[in-house]
Protein backbone atom coordinates (compact mmCIF):
# COMPACT_ATOMS: atom_id res chain seq x y z
CA UNK A 1 14.87 -91.81 40.34
CA UNK A 2 11.91 -89.52 40.93
CA UNK A 3 13.60 -87.74 43.81
CA UNK A 4 16.64 -87.07 41.66
CA UNK A 5 14.43 -85.63 38.94
CA UNK A 6 12.72 -83.36 41.44
CA UNK A 7 16.07 -82.12 42.69
CA UNK A 8 17.18 -81.35 39.14
CA UNK A 9 13.95 -79.42 38.49
CA UNK A 10 14.45 -77.37 41.69
CA UNK A 11 18.03 -76.54 40.78
CA UNK A 12 16.94 -75.43 37.32
CA UNK A 13 14.18 -73.26 38.81
CA UNK A 14 16.66 -71.68 41.19
CA UNK A 15 19.07 -70.95 38.34
CA UNK A 16 16.33 -69.32 36.27
CA UNK A 17 15.08 -67.20 39.14
CA UNK A 18 18.63 -66.05 39.73
CA UNK A 19 18.51 -64.24 36.39
CA UNK A 20 16.15 -61.69 37.97
CA UNK A 21 18.42 -60.93 40.92
CA UNK A 22 19.72 -57.41 41.17
CA UNK A 23 23.42 -56.76 41.16
CA UNK A 24 25.36 -54.31 43.24
CA UNK A 25 26.55 -51.27 41.32
CA UNK A 26 29.10 -49.08 43.09
CA UNK A 27 28.42 -45.33 43.25
CA UNK A 28 31.49 -43.72 44.83
CA UNK A 29 31.47 -40.09 45.93
CA UNK A 30 34.29 -37.73 45.09
CA UNK A 31 34.49 -34.72 47.45
CA UNK A 32 36.52 -32.84 44.87
CA UNK A 33 33.95 -33.33 42.13
CA UNK A 34 30.95 -32.52 44.35
CA UNK A 35 32.65 -29.35 45.63
CA UNK A 36 33.42 -28.27 42.07
CA UNK A 37 29.80 -28.92 41.10
CA UNK A 38 28.54 -26.78 43.99
CA UNK A 39 30.89 -23.93 43.11
CA UNK A 40 29.81 -24.05 39.46
CA UNK A 41 26.13 -23.45 40.19
CA UNK A 42 24.59 -20.30 38.68
CA UNK A 43 21.12 -18.91 38.16
CA UNK A 44 21.71 -19.23 34.40
CA UNK A 45 21.55 -23.03 34.68
CA UNK A 46 19.36 -24.33 31.82
CA UNK A 47 18.12 -27.09 34.13
CA UNK A 48 16.76 -24.42 36.46
CA UNK A 49 14.91 -22.83 33.55
CA UNK A 50 13.32 -26.17 32.64
CA UNK A 51 12.37 -26.76 36.27
CA UNK A 52 10.74 -23.33 36.62
CA UNK A 53 8.81 -23.70 33.38
CA UNK A 54 7.69 -27.24 34.20
CA UNK A 55 6.68 -26.55 37.77
CA UNK A 56 5.34 -23.05 38.01
CA UNK A 57 6.11 -20.38 35.45
CA UNK A 58 5.40 -19.67 31.77
CA UNK A 59 8.48 -19.82 29.54
CA UNK A 60 10.55 -16.67 30.16
CA UNK A 61 11.24 -14.40 27.20
CA UNK A 62 14.89 -14.10 28.18
CA UNK A 63 17.20 -16.32 30.20
CA UNK A 64 18.56 -15.78 32.71
CA UNK A 65 15.73 -13.70 34.09
CA UNK A 66 16.34 -9.93 34.07
CA UNK A 67 14.87 -9.56 37.57
CA UNK A 68 14.72 -12.06 40.41
CA UNK A 69 12.06 -11.64 43.07
CA UNK A 70 10.93 -13.72 46.03
CA UNK A 71 8.96 -16.17 43.89
CA UNK A 72 11.80 -16.78 41.42
CA UNK A 73 14.45 -17.10 44.12
CA UNK A 74 12.25 -19.55 46.02
CA UNK A 75 11.91 -21.73 42.93
CA UNK A 76 15.68 -21.60 42.47
CA UNK A 77 16.07 -22.76 46.07
CA UNK A 78 13.65 -25.65 45.44
CA UNK A 79 15.92 -26.65 42.56
CA UNK A 80 19.32 -26.19 44.18
CA UNK A 81 18.93 -26.50 47.97
CA UNK A 82 20.64 -29.75 49.09
CA UNK A 83 18.55 -30.06 52.25
CA UNK A 84 15.40 -30.38 50.17
CA UNK A 85 17.00 -33.12 48.11
CA UNK A 86 17.73 -35.04 51.33
CA UNK A 87 14.04 -34.86 52.21
CA UNK A 88 13.10 -36.09 48.72
CA UNK A 89 15.38 -39.10 49.08
CA UNK A 90 13.83 -39.91 52.45
CA UNK A 91 10.42 -39.98 50.78
CA UNK A 92 11.80 -42.46 48.23
CA UNK A 93 13.15 -44.57 51.09
CA UNK A 94 9.76 -44.54 52.84
CA UNK A 95 8.00 -45.52 49.60
CA UNK A 96 10.44 -48.39 49.17
CA UNK A 97 9.50 -49.53 52.68
CA UNK A 98 5.94 -50.04 51.40
CA UNK A 99 7.29 -52.62 48.96
CA UNK A 100 9.17 -54.29 51.81
CA UNK A 101 6.06 -54.37 53.98
CA UNK A 102 4.01 -55.94 51.20
CA UNK A 103 6.51 -58.71 50.46
CA UNK A 104 5.19 -62.20 51.09
CA UNK A 105 7.40 -64.72 52.92
CA UNK A 106 9.22 -67.05 50.56
CA UNK A 107 8.47 -70.77 50.67
CA UNK A 108 11.26 -73.10 51.70
CA UNK A 109 12.45 -76.40 50.28
CA UNK A 110 14.61 -79.13 51.71
CA UNK A 111 16.01 -82.34 50.27
CA UNK A 112 17.94 -85.23 51.71
CA UNK A 113 19.46 -88.42 50.37
CA UNK A 114 20.93 -91.43 52.10
CA UNK A 115 21.22 -95.17 51.90
CA UNK A 116 20.89 -98.40 53.83
CA UNK A 117 22.46 -101.84 53.81
CA UNK A 118 19.44 -103.65 52.34
CA UNK A 119 20.57 -105.02 48.98
CA UNK A 120 17.18 -104.79 47.29
CA UNK A 121 16.84 -101.00 47.66
CA UNK A 122 19.86 -99.19 49.10
CA UNK A 123 18.67 -95.58 48.40
CA UNK A 124 16.64 -93.32 50.69
CA UNK A 125 15.63 -89.89 49.35
CA UNK A 126 13.32 -87.19 50.65
CA UNK A 127 12.00 -83.83 49.61
CA UNK A 128 10.16 -81.26 51.75
CA UNK A 129 8.30 -78.07 50.99
CA UNK A 130 7.41 -75.37 53.52
CA UNK A 131 4.81 -72.68 52.75
CA UNK A 132 4.45 -69.91 55.38
CA UNK A 133 0.88 -68.68 55.83
CA UNK A 134 0.34 -65.33 57.55
CA UNK A 135 -2.90 -64.90 59.44
CA UNK A 136 -5.10 -62.09 60.81
CA UNK A 137 -4.23 -59.67 57.99
CA UNK A 138 -0.70 -59.00 59.20
CA UNK A 139 0.56 -58.17 55.72
CA UNK A 140 -2.27 -55.70 55.17
CA UNK A 141 -1.54 -53.96 58.47
CA UNK A 142 2.18 -53.82 57.67
CA UNK A 143 1.46 -52.17 54.33
CA UNK A 144 -0.95 -49.71 55.94
CA UNK A 145 1.64 -48.75 58.54
CA UNK A 146 4.31 -48.29 55.85
CA UNK A 147 1.94 -46.16 53.77
CA UNK A 148 1.19 -43.90 56.75
CA UNK A 149 4.90 -43.57 57.51
CA UNK A 150 5.44 -42.63 53.86
CA UNK A 151 2.79 -39.92 54.36
CA UNK A 152 4.81 -38.68 57.33
CA UNK A 153 7.92 -38.52 55.13
CA UNK A 154 5.99 -36.60 52.48
CA UNK A 155 4.80 -34.06 55.04
CA UNK A 156 8.40 -33.83 56.24
CA UNK A 157 9.33 -32.95 52.66
CA UNK A 158 6.64 -30.27 52.56
CA UNK A 159 7.90 -28.94 55.89
CA UNK A 160 11.47 -28.89 54.63
CA UNK A 161 10.34 -27.00 51.53
CA UNK A 162 8.54 -24.46 53.69
CA UNK A 163 11.67 -24.00 55.82
CA UNK A 164 13.66 -23.38 52.64
CA UNK A 165 11.12 -20.83 51.46
CA UNK A 166 11.13 -19.12 54.88
CA UNK A 167 14.94 -18.97 54.84
CA UNK A 168 14.91 -17.44 51.34
CA UNK A 169 12.36 -14.82 52.38
CA UNK A 170 14.26 -13.96 55.55
CA UNK A 171 17.56 -13.70 53.68
CA UNK A 172 15.98 -11.64 50.88
CA UNK A 173 14.42 -9.35 53.49
CA UNK A 174 17.84 -8.82 55.09
CA UNK A 175 19.42 -8.18 51.69
CA UNK A 176 16.83 -5.61 50.65
CA UNK A 177 16.90 -4.03 54.10
CA UNK A 178 20.69 -3.80 54.05
CA UNK A 179 20.66 -1.96 50.73
CA UNK A 180 17.88 0.40 51.77
CA UNK A 181 19.49 1.04 55.15
CA UNK A 182 22.80 1.80 53.45
CA UNK A 183 21.15 4.43 51.24
CA UNK A 184 19.41 6.09 54.19
CA UNK A 185 22.54 6.09 56.33
CA UNK A 186 24.49 7.67 53.48
CA UNK A 187 21.94 10.48 53.36
CA UNK A 188 22.21 10.97 57.12
CA UNK A 189 26.02 10.92 56.97
CA UNK A 190 26.04 13.62 54.27
CA UNK A 191 23.72 15.82 56.34
CA UNK A 192 25.83 15.35 59.47
CA UNK A 193 29.04 16.07 57.55
CA UNK A 194 27.52 19.30 56.24
CA UNK A 195 26.27 20.21 59.70
CA UNK A 196 29.73 19.64 61.19
CA UNK A 197 31.26 21.90 58.52
CA UNK A 198 28.71 24.65 59.09
CA UNK A 199 29.19 24.57 62.85
CA UNK A 200 32.97 24.58 62.47
CA UNK A 201 32.65 27.74 60.41
CA UNK A 202 30.50 29.37 63.08
CA UNK A 203 32.90 28.27 65.79
CA UNK A 204 35.77 29.90 63.89
CA UNK A 205 34.04 33.30 63.99
CA UNK A 206 32.89 32.90 67.58
CA UNK A 207 29.17 32.47 66.90
CA UNK A 208 28.89 29.21 68.89
CA UNK A 209 30.74 27.42 71.67
CA UNK A 210 33.06 24.48 71.13
CA UNK A 211 30.83 21.83 72.84
CA UNK A 212 28.17 22.38 70.19
CA UNK A 213 30.68 21.79 67.39
CA UNK A 214 32.21 18.82 69.20
CA UNK A 215 28.78 17.21 69.58
CA UNK A 216 28.16 17.57 65.84
CA UNK A 217 31.56 16.03 65.10
CA UNK A 218 30.82 13.11 67.46
CA UNK A 219 27.45 12.47 65.83
CA UNK A 220 29.11 12.53 62.40
CA UNK A 221 31.63 9.95 63.59
CA UNK A 222 28.80 7.74 64.86
CA UNK A 223 27.08 8.06 61.49
CA UNK A 224 30.28 6.97 59.73
CA UNK A 225 30.57 3.92 62.00
CA UNK A 226 26.91 2.99 61.36
CA UNK A 227 27.53 3.39 57.63
CA UNK A 228 30.52 1.04 57.75
CA UNK A 229 28.51 -1.55 59.68
CA UNK A 230 25.71 -1.30 57.11
CA UNK A 231 28.16 -1.95 54.28
CA UNK A 232 29.33 -5.11 56.06
CA UNK A 233 25.73 -6.28 56.56
CA UNK A 234 25.03 -5.83 52.86
CA UNK A 235 27.85 -8.24 51.94
CA UNK A 236 26.80 -10.73 54.62
CA UNK A 237 23.16 -10.64 53.55
CA UNK A 238 24.11 -11.50 49.96
CA UNK A 239 26.09 -14.52 51.17
CA UNK A 240 23.18 -15.58 53.40
CA UNK A 241 20.75 -15.34 50.49
CA UNK A 242 23.05 -17.45 48.30
CA UNK A 243 23.32 -20.07 51.07
CA UNK A 244 19.53 -20.23 51.44
CA UNK A 245 19.18 -20.84 47.69
CA UNK A 246 22.03 -23.36 47.55
CA UNK A 247 24.42 -21.51 45.25
CA UNK A 248 27.77 -19.80 45.86
CA UNK A 249 27.70 -16.07 46.59
CA UNK A 250 29.38 -15.42 43.23
CA UNK A 251 26.24 -16.71 41.51
CA UNK A 252 24.30 -13.66 42.76
CA UNK A 253 26.89 -11.10 41.69
CA UNK A 254 25.45 -8.87 39.00
CA UNK A 255 21.94 -10.32 39.44
CA UNK A 256 19.14 -7.72 39.67
CA UNK A 257 17.11 -8.60 42.76
CA UNK A 258 13.89 -6.71 43.44
CA UNK A 259 10.95 -6.83 45.84
CA UNK A 260 8.24 -4.61 44.34
CA UNK A 261 5.77 -5.15 47.18
CA UNK A 262 8.32 -4.46 49.92
CA UNK A 263 7.05 -0.95 50.71
CA UNK A 264 3.38 -1.94 50.81
CA UNK A 265 2.75 -4.74 53.32
CA UNK A 266 -0.86 -5.97 53.18
CA UNK A 267 -3.43 -4.88 55.71
CA UNK A 268 -4.62 -7.37 58.30
CA UNK A 269 -8.14 -7.23 56.83
CA UNK A 270 -6.87 -8.30 53.40
CA UNK A 271 -5.24 -11.38 54.93
CA UNK A 272 -8.59 -12.82 56.11
CA UNK A 273 -7.90 -13.42 59.82
CA UNK A 274 -10.58 -16.12 60.00
CA UNK A 275 -8.82 -18.11 57.27
CA UNK A 276 -5.50 -17.67 59.08
CA UNK A 277 -6.95 -19.11 62.28
CA UNK A 278 -8.48 -22.03 60.35
CA UNK A 279 -5.14 -22.77 58.70
CA UNK A 280 -3.45 -22.76 62.09
CA UNK A 281 -5.93 -25.36 63.36
CA UNK A 282 -6.25 -27.60 60.32
CA UNK A 283 -3.76 -26.92 57.55
CA UNK A 284 -0.38 -26.24 59.12
CA UNK A 285 2.16 -28.67 57.72
CA UNK A 286 3.20 -29.92 61.15
CA UNK A 287 -0.46 -30.48 62.08
CA UNK A 288 -0.97 -32.60 58.97
CA UNK A 289 2.26 -34.45 59.70
CA UNK A 290 1.20 -35.15 63.29
CA UNK A 291 -2.11 -36.50 62.02
CA UNK A 292 -0.30 -38.83 59.59
CA UNK A 293 1.98 -39.99 62.41
CA UNK A 294 -1.06 -40.76 64.56
CA UNK A 295 -2.53 -42.83 61.70
CA UNK A 296 0.76 -44.74 61.48
CA UNK A 297 0.60 -45.48 65.22
CA UNK A 298 -2.94 -46.82 64.80
CA UNK A 299 -1.78 -49.12 62.01
CA UNK A 300 1.12 -50.27 64.21
CA UNK A 301 -1.33 -51.14 67.00
CA UNK A 302 -3.50 -53.12 64.58
CA UNK A 303 -0.40 -55.01 63.45
CA UNK A 304 0.65 -55.88 67.01
CA UNK A 305 -2.87 -57.07 67.84
CA UNK A 306 -2.84 -59.25 64.72
CA UNK A 307 0.46 -60.74 65.87
CA UNK A 308 -1.37 -62.37 68.78
CA UNK A 309 -2.49 -64.99 66.33
CA UNK A 310 0.16 -67.47 65.18
CA UNK A 311 1.22 -67.98 61.59
CA UNK A 312 1.16 -71.44 60.03
CA UNK A 313 3.72 -73.40 58.09
CA UNK A 314 2.22 -75.81 55.58
CA UNK A 315 4.74 -78.51 54.73
CA UNK A 316 3.97 -81.26 52.24
CA UNK A 317 6.80 -83.84 52.22
CA UNK A 318 7.81 -86.61 49.84
CA UNK A 319 10.13 -89.53 50.56
CA UNK A 320 11.40 -92.51 48.57
CA UNK A 321 12.41 -95.48 50.68
CA UNK A 322 12.97 -99.09 49.72
CA UNK A 323 11.13 -98.65 46.46
CA UNK A 324 8.14 -97.06 48.12
CA UNK A 325 6.86 -93.51 47.53
CA UNK A 326 5.80 -91.81 50.77
CA UNK A 327 3.69 -88.62 50.97
CA UNK A 328 2.77 -86.56 54.04
CA UNK A 329 1.43 -83.13 54.90
CA UNK A 330 2.61 -81.28 57.99
CA UNK A 331 1.10 -78.19 59.60
CA UNK A 332 3.21 -76.22 62.08
CA UNK A 333 2.47 -73.24 64.30
CA UNK A 334 3.75 -71.55 67.45
CA UNK A 335 1.40 -72.06 70.39
CA UNK A 336 0.33 -68.72 71.93
CA UNK A 337 0.51 -70.01 75.48
CA UNK A 338 3.40 -68.30 77.24
CA UNK A 339 3.40 -65.11 75.17
CA UNK A 340 0.45 -63.48 73.46
CA UNK A 341 2.32 -60.36 72.36
CA UNK A 342 1.11 -58.40 75.39
CA UNK A 343 4.25 -56.25 75.63
CA UNK A 344 4.35 -54.98 72.03
CA UNK A 345 0.57 -54.35 72.15
CA UNK A 346 0.95 -52.26 75.30
CA UNK A 347 3.84 -50.35 73.71
CA UNK A 348 1.79 -49.69 70.57
CA UNK A 349 -1.17 -48.45 72.65
CA UNK A 350 1.12 -46.11 74.59
CA UNK A 351 2.64 -44.92 71.33
CA UNK A 352 -0.82 -44.12 69.96
CA UNK A 353 -1.69 -42.17 73.11
CA UNK A 354 1.59 -40.29 72.79
CA UNK A 355 0.85 -39.40 69.16
CA UNK A 356 -2.64 -38.19 70.12
CA UNK A 357 -1.14 -35.97 72.85
CA UNK A 358 1.52 -34.66 70.47
CA UNK A 359 -1.12 -33.89 67.83
CA UNK A 360 -3.08 -31.87 70.37
CA UNK A 361 0.10 -30.06 71.45
CA UNK A 362 1.05 -29.21 67.86
CA UNK A 363 -2.44 -27.95 67.12
CA UNK A 364 -2.52 -25.82 70.28
CA UNK A 365 0.92 -24.39 69.48
CA UNK A 366 -0.24 -23.54 65.96
CA UNK A 367 -3.26 -21.66 67.29
CA UNK A 368 -1.15 -19.73 69.80
CA UNK A 369 1.51 -18.86 67.22
CA UNK A 370 -1.03 -17.62 64.69
CA UNK A 371 -2.84 -15.45 67.24
CA UNK A 372 0.41 -13.96 68.54
CA UNK A 373 1.80 -13.41 65.04
CA UNK A 374 -1.40 -11.75 63.84
CA UNK A 375 -1.42 -9.42 66.86
CA UNK A 376 2.27 -8.58 66.35
CA UNK A 377 1.69 -7.84 62.67
CA UNK A 378 -1.25 -5.57 63.46
CA UNK A 379 0.88 -3.68 65.99
CA UNK A 380 3.73 -3.38 63.48
CA UNK A 381 1.37 -1.93 60.87
CA UNK A 382 0.17 0.66 63.38
CA UNK A 383 3.75 1.66 64.16
CA UNK A 384 4.48 1.91 60.43
CA UNK A 385 1.46 4.16 59.92
CA UNK A 386 2.61 6.45 62.73
CA UNK A 387 6.18 6.54 61.40
CA UNK A 388 4.95 7.46 57.93
CA UNK A 389 2.84 10.25 59.37
CA UNK A 390 5.88 11.67 61.18
CA UNK A 391 7.94 11.30 58.02
CA UNK A 392 5.37 13.34 56.12
CA UNK A 393 5.60 16.09 58.71
CA UNK A 394 9.43 16.08 58.55
CA UNK A 395 9.40 16.27 54.78
CA UNK A 396 6.95 19.19 54.98
CA UNK A 397 9.27 21.01 57.40
CA UNK A 398 12.21 20.37 55.08
CA UNK A 399 10.31 21.82 52.15
CA UNK A 400 9.37 24.86 54.25
CA UNK A 401 13.01 25.41 55.22
CA UNK A 402 14.02 25.09 51.56
CA UNK A 403 11.43 27.69 50.54
CA UNK A 404 12.56 30.03 53.35
CA UNK A 405 16.18 29.77 52.24
CA UNK A 406 15.26 30.55 48.65
CA UNK A 407 13.20 33.53 49.82
CA UNK A 408 16.10 34.85 51.95
CA UNK A 409 14.19 34.30 55.19
CA UNK A 410 16.26 31.35 56.41
CA UNK A 411 19.82 30.14 56.57
CA UNK A 412 21.71 27.04 55.48
CA UNK A 413 22.03 25.65 59.01
CA UNK A 414 18.26 25.68 59.51
CA UNK A 415 17.78 23.82 56.20
CA UNK A 416 20.46 21.35 57.21
CA UNK A 417 18.64 20.73 60.50
CA UNK A 418 15.41 20.05 58.63
CA UNK A 419 17.23 17.72 56.20
CA UNK A 420 18.85 15.87 59.09
CA UNK A 421 15.51 15.51 60.85
CA UNK A 422 14.00 14.15 57.63
CA UNK A 423 16.87 11.67 57.24
CA UNK A 424 16.47 10.43 60.81
CA UNK A 425 12.70 10.11 60.39
CA UNK A 426 13.17 8.27 57.08
CA UNK A 427 15.41 5.78 58.86
CA UNK A 428 12.80 5.35 61.61
CA UNK A 429 10.08 4.81 58.97
CA UNK A 430 12.24 2.21 57.27
CA UNK A 431 12.86 0.38 60.55
CA UNK A 432 9.10 0.30 61.16
CA UNK A 433 8.60 -1.07 57.63
CA UNK A 434 11.27 -3.69 58.23
CA UNK A 435 9.58 -4.77 61.47
CA UNK A 436 6.26 -5.03 59.64
CA UNK A 437 7.80 -7.25 56.94
CA UNK A 438 9.46 -9.38 59.63
CA UNK A 439 6.13 -9.71 61.44
CA UNK A 440 4.47 -10.70 58.15
CA UNK A 441 7.10 -13.42 57.73
CA UNK A 442 6.39 -14.67 61.25
CA UNK A 443 2.68 -14.72 60.45
CA UNK A 444 3.35 -16.80 57.33
CA UNK A 445 5.48 -19.16 59.40
CA UNK A 446 2.62 -19.44 61.90
CA UNK A 447 0.26 -20.77 59.21
CA UNK A 448 3.05 -22.30 57.10
CA UNK A 449 1.79 -20.96 53.81
CA UNK A 450 2.39 -17.83 51.70
CA UNK A 451 -0.12 -15.04 52.33
CA UNK A 452 0.37 -13.02 49.13
CA UNK A 453 -1.19 -14.09 45.81
CA UNK A 454 1.97 -13.62 43.71
CA UNK A 455 4.05 -15.94 45.89
CA UNK A 456 4.66 -19.67 45.46
CA UNK A 457 1.63 -21.86 45.87
CA UNK A 458 0.77 -23.46 49.19
CA UNK A 459 2.99 -26.46 49.77
CA UNK A 460 1.72 -30.01 50.24
CA UNK A 461 3.03 -33.50 49.40
CA UNK A 462 1.09 -33.29 46.12
CA UNK A 463 2.67 -29.99 45.07
CA UNK A 464 4.40 -30.27 41.67
CA UNK A 465 7.31 -28.36 43.18
CA UNK A 466 8.05 -31.31 45.46
CA UNK A 467 6.92 -34.48 43.72
CA UNK A 468 10.00 -34.76 41.51
CA UNK A 469 13.62 -34.45 42.58
CA UNK A 470 14.98 -31.41 40.83
CA UNK A 471 18.72 -31.79 40.99
CA UNK A 472 20.72 -34.98 41.31
């Protein structure tokens, strides 16, 4: 029978197409194994070396690197940081959604078989075919919307990478500051210990009163407490830097970390304020993301408008009855009488208006942040200049006291006072430098790009640092 032959052909086609079906493959997670993998991470990882060479750096002469700076530690964070890998996977998910959006609806088939009591032809068989036909470019609009949402995910990845870089810089700044502060506090503590000893000697022979010696002893105790707190901050800052990179703290033990440009923050003129303001308006990562999200809302509105128009179902049918072959063609559609998709269209329009308002808000916030950060950085540089001028005066007074002591025109207590003043001024100069570096970091966050030429390149979805997942 022809209908039986058709059914056999359909079954065979279904069996053949089943060969292309994907199969589920389990991928269980073992908390023990993942924890062990995290604890085993080091900066000597050969995969990290390959990543750094492939993405940004020339092949290093020695491995691991003898010195790790901000650029190298940032690249290590791009390789190890698990949060960045999450953002990469979300980009893959959004790109897979493009395939889903572009999928065409599958045709449908139906078959039936029966019989009747007529002796001359007892069999009745039928076969139907249904072909869905989308109208008004719905598939094209779906794909466009999915592509714009994938752009949003890519800008999210760039934003996540910038956050990682900002965390590494902040943690490195705290680590360098903790070490420098510890050195300066040690110098102050030594001067205060010597001053306490000298005043105790004078008190013993009746040259000074006890309150003066007690005050020196109290100030020495305060210096010891500040020194102990600085030692604790140094250990904490190392752990924070390791966490920002995505490695255990033990991975940074014995690693030489340096920041050559730490003492010389750039001038505001060298940073091109006009370019900073332009970046805040046009090139901030969240501004570009908001623009991509607005484009996705426009595509969503186009899709909802296209859904006003009904799709069709084309259904050619075949039937065999009483020895007769019957053919028919059916065309089905939903009548847009009671519902013309008004609600979803209104929601999509409101969503587009919301995205436009949010884009304006993000852009305005970027302008405000950049202006405030630039003003704060300029003020911090002025304070640093003043602190360095005072430090120069203190060091000159210390040298004069040293010369007077050598010439027999001064005493040890006067030199100690000059040394203590120099130590205190050095600490004040360092605090001003630290504030300037912190303000520079805030300025970079305001434009969401590095401002120094020897740093990592500006981040975007097309950056080679982000296009490939670094660590599985």
